[in-house]
């Protein structure tokens, strides 16, 4: 399962320990194996046809133009920027917001 799975479970369920921690991590692994695909390369080159692309951002949604955020926002174009502009900021910690993907 790896240390990342354990870390995710501990953040989501701080009371999980021992067998409960392991079962929860194993369950998360099964969920994500069937529904998440990791692809090597830049999102601007490989996201064609993707239903969802995760974009890490600061709570202010400020576009710093570098890394994954910069690549996603460049690829999404003005339609994505308009959708992002309509989101209330600052975002809550550890939150997720869905917006249309743009181009």
N, C-alpha and C. Protein backbone atom coordinates (compact mmCIF):
# COMPACT_ATOMS: atom_id res chain seq x y z
N UNK A 1 0.81 -1.19 0.00
CA UNK A 1 0.00 0.00 0.00
C UNK A 1 0.85 1.26 0.00
N UNK A 2 1.96 1.22 0.69
CA UNK A 2 2.87 2.36 0.68
C UNK A 2 2.56 3.38 1.76
N UNK A 3 3.54 4.19 2.08
CA UNK A 3 3.39 5.18 3.16
C UNK A 3 2.38 6.27 2.83
N UNK A 4 2.15 6.55 1.56
CA UNK A 4 1.20 7.61 1.21
C UNK A 4 -0.22 7.20 1.58
N UNK A 5 -0.57 5.94 1.34
CA UNK A 5 -1.92 5.47 1.69
C UNK A 5 -2.16 5.58 3.19
N UNK A 6 -1.16 5.21 3.97
CA UNK A 6 -1.29 5.30 5.43
C UNK A 6 -1.45 6.76 5.85
N UNK A 7 -0.69 7.65 5.26
CA UNK A 7 -0.77 9.07 5.58
C UNK A 7 -2.16 9.63 5.25
N UNK A 8 -2.71 9.26 4.09
CA UNK A 8 -4.04 9.72 3.70
C UNK A 8 -5.08 9.25 4.71
N UNK A 9 -5.02 7.98 5.11
CA UNK A 9 -5.98 7.45 6.08
C UNK A 9 -5.84 8.18 7.41
N UNK A 10 -4.63 8.42 7.86
CA UNK A 10 -4.44 9.09 9.14
C UNK A 10 -4.97 10.52 9.12
N UNK A 11 -4.88 11.18 7.95
CA UNK A 11 -5.44 12.53 7.85
C UNK A 11 -6.96 12.50 7.84
N UNK A 12 -7.54 11.49 7.18
CA UNK A 12 -9.00 11.40 7.07
C UNK A 12 -9.63 10.85 8.35
N UNK A 13 -8.96 9.91 8.99
CA UNK A 13 -9.49 9.28 10.20
C UNK A 13 -8.40 9.23 11.25
N UNK A 14 -8.29 10.28 12.00
CA UNK A 14 -7.21 10.37 12.98
C UNK A 14 -7.30 9.28 14.06
N UNK A 15 -8.47 8.68 14.22
CA UNK A 15 -8.65 7.64 15.22
C UNK A 15 -8.28 6.25 14.71
N UNK A 16 -8.00 6.10 13.40
CA UNK A 16 -7.68 4.79 12.83
C UNK A 16 -6.29 4.36 13.27
N UNK A 17 -6.19 3.10 13.68
CA UNK A 17 -4.90 2.53 14.08
C UNK A 17 -4.94 1.02 13.88
N UNK A 18 -3.77 0.43 13.76
CA UNK A 18 -3.66 -1.02 13.66
C UNK A 18 -4.46 -1.58 12.50
N UNK A 19 -5.22 -2.66 12.74
CA UNK A 19 -5.97 -3.31 11.68
C UNK A 19 -6.99 -2.39 11.00
N UNK A 20 -7.59 -1.49 11.75
CA UNK A 20 -8.55 -0.55 11.17
C UNK A 20 -7.87 0.37 10.17
N UNK A 21 -6.68 0.84 10.50
CA UNK A 21 -5.91 1.69 9.61
C UNK A 21 -5.58 0.93 8.32
N UNK A 22 -5.14 -0.30 8.45
CA UNK A 22 -4.79 -1.12 7.29
C UNK A 22 -6.02 -1.38 6.42
N UNK A 23 -7.14 -1.77 7.02
CA UNK A 23 -8.36 -2.05 6.25
C UNK A 23 -8.84 -0.81 5.49
N UNK A 24 -8.78 0.33 6.15
CA UNK A 24 -9.21 1.57 5.50
C UNK A 24 -8.29 1.92 4.34
N UNK A 25 -6.99 1.78 4.53
CA UNK A 25 -6.03 2.06 3.45
C UNK A 25 -6.25 1.09 2.29
N UNK A 26 -6.48 -0.15 2.59
CA UNK A 26 -6.73 -1.16 1.53
C UNK A 26 -8.02 -0.84 0.78
N UNK A 27 -9.04 -0.39 1.49
CA UNK A 27 -10.29 0.00 0.84
C UNK A 27 -10.11 1.20 -0.07
N UNK A 28 -9.35 2.19 0.39
CA UNK A 28 -9.07 3.36 -0.45
C UNK A 28 -8.31 2.96 -1.70
N UNK A 29 -7.36 2.06 -1.54
CA UNK A 29 -6.58 1.60 -2.69
C UNK A 29 -7.51 0.98 -3.74
N UNK A 30 -8.45 0.14 -3.30
CA UNK A 30 -9.40 -0.48 -4.24
C UNK A 30 -10.25 0.56 -4.95
N UNK A 31 -10.69 1.56 -4.23
CA UNK A 31 -11.52 2.62 -4.83
C UNK A 31 -10.72 3.36 -5.89
N UNK A 32 -9.52 3.78 -5.54
CA UNK A 32 -8.73 4.60 -6.47
C UNK A 32 -8.16 3.80 -7.63
N UNK A 33 -7.89 2.53 -7.44
CA UNK A 33 -7.38 1.71 -8.55
C UNK A 33 -8.38 1.66 -9.69
N UNK A 34 -9.65 1.63 -9.36
CA UNK A 34 -10.68 1.52 -10.39
C UNK A 34 -11.13 2.84 -10.96
N UNK A 35 -10.76 3.96 -10.35
CA UNK A 35 -11.33 5.22 -10.81
C UNK A 35 -10.33 6.34 -11.07
N UNK A 36 -9.06 6.11 -10.78
CA UNK A 36 -8.06 7.15 -10.99
C UNK A 36 -6.94 6.59 -11.86
N UNK A 37 -6.56 7.33 -12.87
CA UNK A 37 -5.45 6.93 -13.72
C UNK A 37 -4.37 7.99 -13.63
N UNK A 38 -3.17 7.57 -13.30
CA UNK A 38 -2.02 8.47 -13.25
C UNK A 38 -1.31 8.37 -14.59
N UNK A 39 -1.04 9.52 -15.21
CA UNK A 39 -0.39 9.55 -16.51
C UNK A 39 0.86 10.41 -16.41
N UNK A 40 1.98 9.87 -16.88
CA UNK A 40 3.23 10.64 -16.86
C UNK A 40 3.22 11.64 -18.01
N UNK A 41 3.67 12.85 -17.74
CA UNK A 41 3.76 13.87 -18.77
C UNK A 41 2.98 15.11 -18.38
N UNK A 42 3.08 16.13 -19.20
CA UNK A 42 2.39 17.38 -18.93
C UNK A 42 0.90 17.28 -19.22
N UNK A 43 0.10 17.87 -18.36
CA UNK A 43 -1.35 17.81 -18.53
C UNK A 43 -1.78 18.49 -19.83
N UNK A 44 -1.03 19.48 -20.25
CA UNK A 44 -1.38 20.17 -21.49
C UNK A 44 -1.17 19.27 -22.71
N UNK A 45 -0.40 18.20 -22.55
CA UNK A 45 -0.16 17.28 -23.65
C UNK A 45 -0.97 16.00 -23.55
N UNK A 46 -1.37 15.60 -22.34
CA UNK A 46 -1.94 14.27 -22.14
C UNK A 46 -3.38 14.24 -21.65
N UNK A 47 -4.01 15.37 -21.37
CA UNK A 47 -5.33 15.37 -20.75
C UNK A 47 -6.48 15.25 -21.74
N UNK A 48 -6.20 15.18 -23.03
CA UNK A 48 -7.27 15.06 -24.02
C UNK A 48 -8.19 13.90 -23.70
N UNK A 49 -9.47 14.16 -23.57
CA UNK A 49 -10.45 13.12 -23.27
C UNK A 49 -10.64 12.83 -21.79
N UNK A 50 -9.85 13.45 -20.92
CA UNK A 50 -9.99 13.23 -19.49
C UNK A 50 -11.30 13.84 -18.99
N UNK A 51 -11.96 13.17 -18.05
CA UNK A 51 -13.18 13.71 -17.47
C UNK A 51 -12.87 14.70 -16.35
N UNK A 52 -11.79 14.45 -15.62
CA UNK A 52 -11.42 15.31 -14.51
C UNK A 52 -9.90 15.44 -14.49
N UNK A 53 -9.42 16.65 -14.25
CA UNK A 53 -8.00 16.89 -14.04
C UNK A 53 -7.87 17.63 -12.73
N UNK A 54 -7.08 17.09 -11.81
CA UNK A 54 -6.87 17.74 -10.52
C UNK A 54 -5.85 18.86 -10.66
N UNK A 55 -6.16 19.99 -10.06
CA UNK A 55 -5.29 21.15 -10.17
C UNK A 55 -5.01 21.71 -8.78
N UNK A 56 -3.78 21.57 -8.31
CA UNK A 56 -3.45 22.13 -6.99
C UNK A 56 -3.36 23.65 -7.06
N UNK A 57 -4.03 24.32 -6.15
CA UNK A 57 -4.01 25.79 -6.14
C UNK A 57 -3.94 26.31 -4.71
N UNK A 58 -3.53 27.56 -4.61
CA UNK A 58 -3.57 28.25 -3.32
C UNK A 58 -5.02 28.64 -3.04
N UNK A 59 -5.34 28.86 -1.80
CA UNK A 59 -6.71 29.20 -1.39
C UNK A 59 -7.24 30.44 -2.11
N UNK A 60 -6.34 31.30 -2.54
CA UNK A 60 -6.76 32.53 -3.22
C UNK A 60 -7.07 32.31 -4.70
N UNK A 61 -6.73 31.14 -5.24
CA UNK A 61 -6.87 30.80 -6.66
C UNK A 61 -5.98 31.65 -7.56
N UNK A 62 -5.04 32.34 -6.98
CA UNK A 62 -4.12 33.17 -7.76
C UNK A 62 -3.32 32.31 -8.72
N UNK A 63 -3.28 32.70 -9.98
CA UNK A 63 -2.54 31.95 -11.00
C UNK A 63 -1.08 32.37 -10.95
N UNK A 64 -0.22 31.48 -10.48
CA UNK A 64 1.20 31.78 -10.43
C UNK A 64 1.90 31.35 -11.72
N UNK A 65 1.19 30.62 -12.58
CA UNK A 65 1.69 30.30 -13.91
C UNK A 65 2.80 29.27 -13.99
N UNK A 66 3.06 28.53 -12.91
CA UNK A 66 4.12 27.53 -12.95
C UNK A 66 3.58 26.18 -12.50
N UNK A 67 4.33 25.14 -12.76
CA UNK A 67 3.98 23.80 -12.31
C UNK A 67 2.67 23.30 -12.91
N UNK A 68 2.03 22.36 -12.20
CA UNK A 68 0.79 21.76 -12.67
C UNK A 68 -0.30 22.80 -12.84
N UNK A 69 -0.39 23.71 -11.88
CA UNK A 69 -1.43 24.74 -11.97
C UNK A 69 -1.27 25.58 -13.23
N UNK A 70 -0.07 26.02 -13.50
CA UNK A 70 0.19 26.83 -14.69
C UNK A 70 -0.15 26.08 -15.97
N UNK A 71 0.25 24.81 -16.05
CA UNK A 71 -0.02 24.00 -17.25
C UNK A 71 -1.51 23.79 -17.46
N UNK A 72 -2.23 23.49 -16.39
CA UNK A 72 -3.68 23.25 -16.50
C UNK A 72 -4.38 24.53 -16.92
N UNK A 73 -4.02 25.64 -16.32
CA UNK A 73 -4.70 26.89 -16.64
C UNK A 73 -4.36 27.37 -18.04
N UNK A 74 -3.15 27.15 -18.51
CA UNK A 74 -2.81 27.49 -19.90
C UNK A 74 -3.61 26.63 -20.87
N UNK A 75 -3.70 25.33 -20.58
CA UNK A 75 -4.42 24.41 -21.46
C UNK A 75 -5.93 24.71 -21.47
N UNK A 76 -6.49 25.14 -20.34
CA UNK A 76 -7.92 25.41 -20.23
C UNK A 76 -8.36 26.70 -20.89
N UNK A 77 -7.45 27.64 -20.99
CA UNK A 77 -7.74 28.90 -21.68
C UNK A 77 -8.73 29.81 -20.96
N UNK A 78 -9.34 30.71 -21.74
CA UNK A 78 -10.19 31.75 -21.17
C UNK A 78 -11.47 31.19 -20.54
N UNK A 79 -11.99 30.09 -21.07
CA UNK A 79 -13.21 29.49 -20.49
C UNK A 79 -12.93 29.00 -19.07
N UNK A 80 -11.79 28.36 -18.87
CA UNK A 80 -11.42 27.90 -17.52
C UNK A 80 -11.18 29.09 -16.60
N UNK A 81 -10.48 30.11 -17.08
CA UNK A 81 -10.22 31.29 -16.25
C UNK A 81 -11.52 31.97 -15.83
N UNK A 82 -12.51 32.03 -16.72
CA UNK A 82 -13.80 32.63 -16.38
C UNK A 82 -14.51 31.81 -15.30
N UNK A 83 -14.44 30.48 -15.41
CA UNK A 83 -15.06 29.61 -14.41
C UNK A 83 -14.38 29.77 -13.06
N UNK A 84 -13.06 29.86 -13.07
CA UNK A 84 -12.31 30.04 -11.82
C UNK A 84 -12.64 31.39 -11.19
N UNK A 85 -12.80 32.41 -12.01
CA UNK A 85 -13.12 33.75 -11.50
C UNK A 85 -14.47 33.78 -10.78
N UNK A 86 -15.36 32.84 -11.10
CA UNK A 86 -16.68 32.82 -10.47
C UNK A 86 -16.69 32.10 -9.12
N UNK A 87 -15.59 31.47 -8.75
CA UNK A 87 -15.51 30.73 -7.49
C UNK A 87 -15.19 31.69 -6.34
N UNK A 88 -15.92 31.55 -5.24
CA UNK A 88 -15.67 32.39 -4.05
C UNK A 88 -14.35 32.00 -3.40
N UNK A 89 -13.58 33.01 -3.05
CA UNK A 89 -12.31 32.76 -2.37
C UNK A 89 -12.31 33.48 -1.03
N UNK A 90 -11.51 33.08 -0.08
CA UNK A 90 -10.54 31.99 -0.17
C UNK A 90 -11.23 30.63 -0.05
N UNK A 91 -10.62 29.62 -0.65
CA UNK A 91 -11.13 28.27 -0.56
C UNK A 91 -10.89 27.72 0.84
N UNK A 92 -11.78 26.85 1.28
CA UNK A 92 -11.58 26.20 2.58
C UNK A 92 -10.41 25.23 2.48
N UNK A 93 -9.70 25.04 3.57
CA UNK A 93 -8.57 24.12 3.60
C UNK A 93 -9.01 22.70 3.23
N UNK A 94 -8.24 22.03 2.41
CA UNK A 94 -8.50 20.65 1.96
C UNK A 94 -9.82 20.50 1.22
N UNK A 95 -10.25 21.55 0.54
CA UNK A 95 -11.51 21.48 -0.18
C UNK A 95 -11.29 21.11 -1.64
N UNK A 96 -12.35 20.78 -2.32
CA UNK A 96 -12.30 20.50 -3.76
C UNK A 96 -13.45 21.26 -4.41
N UNK A 97 -13.17 21.87 -5.54
CA UNK A 97 -14.16 22.63 -6.28
C UNK A 97 -14.11 22.19 -7.73
N UNK A 98 -15.25 21.89 -8.31
CA UNK A 98 -15.30 21.49 -9.71
C UNK A 98 -15.72 22.67 -10.57
N UNK A 99 -14.99 22.89 -11.66
CA UNK A 99 -15.33 23.92 -12.63
C UNK A 99 -15.20 23.32 -14.02
N UNK A 100 -15.90 23.87 -15.02
CA UNK A 100 -15.76 23.37 -16.38
C UNK A 100 -14.30 23.46 -16.83
N UNK A 101 -13.88 22.54 -17.67
CA UNK A 101 -12.47 22.42 -18.03
C UNK A 101 -11.94 23.34 -19.09
N UNK A 102 -12.76 24.09 -19.75
CA UNK A 102 -12.23 24.97 -20.78
C UNK A 102 -12.02 24.23 -22.09
N UNK A 103 -11.01 24.65 -22.82
CA UNK A 103 -10.76 24.13 -24.16
C UNK A 103 -10.53 22.65 -24.19
